[in-house]
């Protein structure tokens, strides 16, 4: 398996895998593939990685800038992350997350936020922070990881591409 930057030829495979990966997720909006397309169209995919096996795309992760109290402070949002259903539970998602976070840190990012399952994301160093708020979601599912410096506080807003439908 190889993890590499997304290439233009990967867009359809990413869309297909993302739809399949989120199809049975209870709390999914089922718009994750459209979110990635919207971020790509807006030039807001700061890091977009694919996992490939024998040239087939089997996983994807996206990182995009977030605003904190209306300012870009060098923080990014992780997600969506998806793995083809027949390749799940093999650690591919974890590899994508670790590689993406490593690349964010090397690029000078200050931190990363994620909306997701606490038990899963805490193993990567994410933690709850009552000072960072994503309106409309239970606080325990919104976490942050400081990469450089200290954690800011305030309301977090994801890129408008997350409003895709």
C-alpha atoms as a PDB file:
ATOM      1  CA  UNK A   1       0.000   0.000   0.000  1.00  0.00           C
ATOM      2  CA  UNK A   2       1.130   3.541  -0.775  1.00  0.00           C
ATOM      3  CA  UNK A   3      -0.072   6.864   0.609  1.00  0.00           C
ATOM      4  CA  UNK A   4       0.330   9.808  -1.765  1.00  0.00           C
ATOM      5  CA  UNK A   5      -1.142  13.161  -2.632  1.00  0.00           C
ATOM      6  CA  UNK A   6      -4.411  13.118  -4.555  1.00  0.00           C
ATOM      7  CA  UNK A   7      -4.074  13.502  -8.322  1.00  0.00           C
ATOM      8  CA  UNK A   8      -6.809  14.802 -10.665  1.00  0.00           C
ATOM      9  CA  UNK A   9      -7.437  11.267 -11.961  1.00  0.00           C
ATOM     10  CA  UNK A  10      -8.390  10.155  -8.409  1.00  0.00           C
ATOM     11  CA  UNK A  11     -11.492  12.338  -8.021  1.00  0.00           C
ATOM     12  CA  UNK A  12     -14.054   9.763  -9.191  1.00  0.00           C
ATOM     13  CA  UNK A  13     -12.538   6.966  -7.089  1.00  0.00           C
ATOM     14  CA  UNK A  14     -12.498   9.262  -4.033  1.00  0.00           C
ATOM     15  CA  UNK A  15     -16.162  10.115  -4.623  1.00  0.00           C
ATOM     16  CA  UNK A  16     -17.106   6.431  -4.961  1.00  0.00           C
ATOM     17  CA  UNK A  17     -15.151   5.297  -1.892  1.00  0.00           C
ATOM     18  CA  UNK A  18     -16.445   8.155   0.235  1.00  0.00           C
ATOM     19  CA  UNK A  19     -20.078   7.407  -0.652  1.00  0.00           C
ATOM     20  CA  UNK A  20     -19.587   3.692   0.085  1.00  0.00           C
ATOM     21  CA  UNK A  21     -17.713   4.306   3.350  1.00  0.00           C
ATOM     22  CA  UNK A  22     -20.393   6.607   4.766  1.00  0.00           C
ATOM     23  CA  UNK A  23     -23.446   4.760   3.387  1.00  0.00           C
ATOM     24  CA  UNK A  24     -24.156   2.887   6.627  1.00  0.00           C
ATOM     25  CA  UNK A  25     -22.958   5.519   9.112  1.00  0.00           C
ATOM     26  CA  UNK A  26     -25.888   6.495  11.336  1.00  0.00           C
ATOM     27  CA  UNK A  27     -24.892  10.135  11.922  1.00  0.00           C
ATOM     28  CA  UNK A  28     -23.729  10.817   8.358  1.00  0.00           C
ATOM     29  CA  UNK A  29     -25.315  13.539   6.270  1.00  0.00           C
ATOM     30  CA  UNK A  30     -24.513  11.425   3.177  1.00  0.00           C
ATOM     31  CA  UNK A  31     -22.956  14.560   1.658  1.00  0.00           C
ATOM     32  CA  UNK A  32     -19.305  13.778   2.420  1.00  0.00           C
ATOM     33  CA  UNK A  33     -18.394  13.168  -1.238  1.00  0.00           C
ATOM     34  CA  UNK A  34     -19.997  16.475  -2.205  1.00  0.00           C
ATOM     35  CA  UNK A  35     -18.088  18.214   0.593  1.00  0.00           C
ATOM     36  CA  UNK A  36     -14.790  16.952  -0.824  1.00  0.00           C
ATOM     37  CA  UNK A  37     -15.806  18.055  -4.330  1.00  0.00           C
ATOM     38  CA  UNK A  38     -16.758  21.504  -3.004  1.00  0.00           C
ATOM     39  CA  UNK A  39     -13.479  21.859  -1.098  1.00  0.00           C
ATOM     40  CA  UNK A  40     -11.546  20.791  -4.192  1.00  0.00           C
ATOM     41  CA  UNK A  41     -13.445  23.263  -6.405  1.00  0.00           C
ATOM     42  CA  UNK A  42     -12.769  26.079  -3.933  1.00  0.00           C
ATOM     43  CA  UNK A  43      -9.061  25.256  -3.732  1.00  0.00           C
ATOM     44  CA  UNK A  44      -9.529  24.517  -0.028  1.00  0.00           C
ATOM     45  CA  UNK A  45      -8.101  21.001   0.125  1.00  0.00           C
ATOM     46  CA  UNK A  46      -4.937  21.909   2.000  1.00  0.00           C
ATOM     47  CA  UNK A  47      -3.923  18.246   2.119  1.00  0.00           C
ATOM     48  CA  UNK A  48      -5.737  15.522   0.223  1.00  0.00           C
ATOM     49  CA  UNK A  49      -4.159  12.080   0.472  1.00  0.00           C
ATOM     50  CA  UNK A  50      -5.125   8.744  -1.021  1.00  0.00           C
ATOM     51  CA  UNK A  51      -4.162   5.252   0.008  1.00  0.00           C
ATOM     52  CA  UNK A  52      -3.599   3.020  -2.997  1.00  0.00           C
ATOM     53  CA  UNK A  53      -3.127  -0.680  -3.451  1.00  0.00           C
ATOM     54  CA  UNK A  54      -1.898  -1.854  -6.846  1.00  0.00           C
ATOM     55  CA  UNK A  55      -2.814   1.583  -8.263  1.00  0.00           C
ATOM     56  CA  UNK A  56      -6.418   1.339  -6.954  1.00  0.00           C
ATOM     57  CA  UNK A  57      -7.563   4.061  -4.556  1.00  0.00           C
ATOM     58  CA  UNK A  58      -8.770   2.377  -1.364  1.00  0.00           C
ATOM     59  CA  UNK A  59      -8.815   5.307   1.071  1.00  0.00           C
ATOM     60  CA  UNK A  60      -8.848   9.095   1.280  1.00  0.00           C
ATOM     61  CA  UNK A  61      -8.393  11.878   3.817  1.00  0.00           C
ATOM     62  CA  UNK A  62      -8.972  15.615   3.501  1.00  0.00           C
ATOM     63  CA  UNK A  63      -7.678  18.539   5.551  1.00  0.00           C
ATOM     64  CA  UNK A  64      -9.031  22.057   5.029  1.00  0.00           C
ATOM     65  CA  UNK A  65      -8.619  25.399   6.812  1.00  0.00           C
ATOM     66  CA  UNK A  66     -10.936  26.378   9.644  1.00  0.00           C
ATOM     67  CA  UNK A  67     -11.681  29.807  11.029  1.00  0.00           C
ATOM     68  CA  UNK A  68     -11.577  30.502  14.753  1.00  0.00           C
ATOM     69  CA  UNK A  69     -13.587  33.536  15.790  1.00  0.00           C
ATOM     70  CA  UNK A  70     -13.581  34.582  12.134  1.00  0.00           C
ATOM     71  CA  UNK A  71      -9.799  34.402  11.665  1.00  0.00           C
ATOM     72  CA  UNK A  72      -7.515  31.878  10.035  1.00  0.00           C
ATOM     73  CA  UNK A  73      -4.999  31.082  12.758  1.00  0.00           C
ATOM     74  CA  UNK A  74      -3.169  28.232  11.040  1.00  0.00           C
ATOM     75  CA  UNK A  75      -5.657  25.595  12.173  1.00  0.00           C
ATOM     76  CA  UNK A  76      -7.215  22.920   9.958  1.00  0.00           C
ATOM     77  CA  UNK A  77     -10.087  20.494  10.028  1.00  0.00           C
ATOM     78  CA  UNK A  78      -9.566  16.776   9.489  1.00  0.00           C
ATOM     79  CA  UNK A  79     -12.191  15.102   7.374  1.00  0.00           C
ATOM     80  CA  UNK A  80     -13.814  13.526   5.736  1.00  0.00           C
ATOM     81  CA  UNK A  81     -11.689  10.389   5.978  1.00  0.00           C
ATOM     82  CA  UNK A  82     -12.894   7.243   4.277  1.00  0.00           C
ATOM     83  CA  UNK A  83     -11.745   3.731   3.457  1.00  0.00           C
ATOM     84  CA  UNK A  84     -13.385   1.387   0.974  1.00  0.00           C
ATOM     85  CA  UNK A  85     -15.694  -0.963   2.931  1.00  0.00           C
ATOM     86  CA  UNK A  86     -13.776  -4.092   1.877  1.00  0.00           C
ATOM     87  CA  UNK A  87     -10.538  -2.567   3.225  1.00  0.00           C
ATOM     88  CA  UNK A  88     -11.856  -1.252   6.567  1.00  0.00           C
ATOM     89  CA  UNK A  89     -10.589  -2.485   9.940  1.00  0.00           C
ATOM     90  CA  UNK A  90      -7.064  -2.916   8.553  1.00  0.00           C
ATOM     91  CA  UNK A  91      -5.515   0.293   9.890  1.00  0.00           C
ATOM     92  CA  UNK A  92      -5.656   2.220   6.596  1.00  0.00           C
ATOM     93  CA  UNK A  93      -7.645   5.101   8.075  1.00  0.00           C
ATOM     94  CA  UNK A  94      -5.161   5.377  10.946  1.00  0.00           C
ATOM     95  CA  UNK A  95      -2.237   5.470   8.501  1.00  0.00           C
ATOM     96  CA  UNK A  96      -3.942   8.215   6.501  1.00  0.00           C
ATOM     97  CA  UNK A  97      -4.589  10.236   9.659  1.00  0.00           C
ATOM     98  CA  UNK A  98      -1.016   9.908  10.923  1.00  0.00           C
ATOM     99  CA  UNK A  99       0.479  10.799   7.533  1.00  0.00           C
ATOM    100  CA  UNK A 100      -1.882  13.753   7.119  1.00  0.00           C
ATOM    101  CA  UNK A 101      -1.125  15.111  10.580  1.00  0.00           C
ATOM    102  CA  UNK A 102       2.600  14.713   9.940  1.00  0.00           C
ATOM    103  CA  UNK A 103       2.318  16.666   6.701  1.00  0.00           C
ATOM    104  CA  UNK A 104       0.258  19.375   8.420  1.00  0.00           C
ATOM    105  CA  UNK A 105       2.906  19.762  11.097  1.00  0.00           C
ATOM    106  CA  UNK A 106       5.723  19.915   8.530  1.00  0.00           C
ATOM    107  CA  UNK A 107       3.780  22.607   6.652  1.00  0.00           C
ATOM    108  CA  UNK A 108       3.688  24.775   9.780  1.00  0.00           C
ATOM    109  CA  UNK A 109       0.085  24.222  10.857  1.00  0.00           C
ATOM    110  CA  UNK A 110      -0.669  25.283  14.415  1.00  0.00           C
ATOM    111  CA  UNK A 111      -3.322  22.654  15.035  1.00  0.00           C
ATOM    112  CA  UNK A 112      -6.142  20.478  13.819  1.00  0.00           C
ATOM    113  CA  UNK A 113      -9.752  19.916  14.842  1.00  0.00           C
ATOM    114  CA  UNK A 114     -11.977  16.949  14.166  1.00  0.00           C
ATOM    115  CA  UNK A 115     -15.626  16.086  14.613  1.00  0.00           C
ATOM    116  CA  UNK A 116     -15.791  12.382  15.270  1.00  0.00           C
ATOM    117  CA  UNK A 117     -15.808   9.435  17.616  1.00  0.00           C
ATOM    118  CA  UNK A 118     -13.761  10.335  20.726  1.00  0.00           C
ATOM    119  CA  UNK A 119     -12.505   6.802  21.388  1.00  0.00           C
ATOM    120  CA  UNK A 120     -11.075   6.645  17.879  1.00  0.00           C
ATOM    121  CA  UNK A 121      -9.509  10.101  17.571  1.00  0.00           C
ATOM    122  CA  UNK A 122      -8.060  10.349  21.079  1.00  0.00           C
ATOM    123  CA  UNK A 123      -5.476   7.709  20.169  1.00  0.00           C
ATOM    124  CA  UNK A 124      -3.961  10.236  17.731  1.00  0.00           C
ATOM    125  CA  UNK A 125      -3.642  12.858  20.472  1.00  0.00           C
ATOM    126  CA  UNK A 126      -6.936  14.692  19.912  1.00  0.00           C
ATOM    127  CA  UNK A 127      -8.674  15.902  23.048  1.00  0.00           C
ATOM    128  CA  UNK A 128     -11.733  17.835  24.037  1.00  0.00           C
ATOM    129  CA  UNK A 129     -11.231  21.515  24.729  1.00  0.00           C
ATOM    130  CA  UNK A 130     -14.140  23.494  26.166  1.00  0.00           C
ATOM    131  CA  UNK A 131     -12.485  26.646  24.807  1.00  0.00           C
ATOM    132  CA  UNK A 132     -13.025  25.579  21.180  1.00  0.00           C
ATOM    133  CA  UNK A 133     -16.648  25.275  20.168  1.00  0.00           C
ATOM    134  CA  UNK A 134     -18.340  23.941  17.051  1.00  0.00           C
ATOM    135  CA  UNK A 135     -21.909  25.138  17.318  1.00  0.00           C
ATOM    136  CA  UNK A 136     -24.664  22.589  17.047  1.00  0.00           C
ATOM    137  CA  UNK A 137     -22.657  19.485  17.971  1.00  0.00           C
ATOM    138  CA  UNK A 138     -22.156  17.716  21.300  1.00  0.00           C
ATOM    139  CA  UNK A 139     -18.871  18.972  22.779  1.00  0.00           C
ATOM    140  CA  UNK A 140     -17.506  15.466  23.426  1.00  0.00           C
ATOM    141  CA  UNK A 141     -17.407  14.765  19.659  1.00  0.00           C
ATOM    142  CA  UNK A 142     -15.435  17.906  18.785  1.00  0.00           C
ATOM    143  CA  UNK A 143     -11.721  17.652  19.564  1.00  0.00           C
ATOM    144  CA  UNK A 144      -8.471  19.427  18.871  1.00  0.00           C
ATOM    145  CA  UNK A 145      -4.793  18.580  18.500  1.00  0.00           C
ATOM    146  CA  UNK A 146      -2.189  21.288  19.064  1.00  0.00           C
ATOM    147  CA  UNK A 147       0.695  20.918  16.600  1.00  0.00           C
ATOM    148  CA  UNK A 148       2.634  24.085  17.400  1.00  0.00           C
ATOM    149  CA  UNK A 149       2.094  26.617  20.143  1.00  0.00           C
ATOM    150  CA  UNK A 150      -1.025  26.763  22.253  1.00  0.00           C
ATOM    151  CA  UNK A 151      -4.687  26.202  21.595  1.00  0.00           C
ATOM    152  CA  UNK A 152      -6.786  29.220  20.706  1.00  0.00           C
ATOM    153  CA  UNK A 153     -10.310  29.549  22.000  1.00  0.00           C
ATOM    154  CA  UNK A 154     -13.556  30.528  20.376  1.00  0.00           C
ATOM    155  CA  UNK A 155     -16.099  29.445  17.807  1.00  0.00           C
ATOM    156  CA  UNK A 156     -14.764  27.228  15.014  1.00  0.00           C
ATOM    157  CA  UNK A 157     -16.189  27.409  11.507  1.00  0.00           C
ATOM    158  CA  UNK A 158     -15.361  24.896   8.814  1.00  0.00           C
ATOM    159  CA  UNK A 159     -14.980  25.982   5.178  1.00  0.00           C
ATOM    160  CA  UNK A 160     -18.255  26.759   3.416  1.00  0.00           C
ATOM    161  CA  UNK A 161     -17.707  23.600   1.345  1.00  0.00           C
ATOM    162  CA  UNK A 162     -19.030  21.694   4.351  1.00  0.00           C
ATOM    163  CA  UNK A 163     -22.438  23.166   3.574  1.00  0.00           C
ATOM    164  CA  UNK A 164     -22.528  21.158   0.316  1.00  0.00           C
ATOM    165  CA  UNK A 165     -25.615  19.115  -0.285  1.00  0.00           C
END
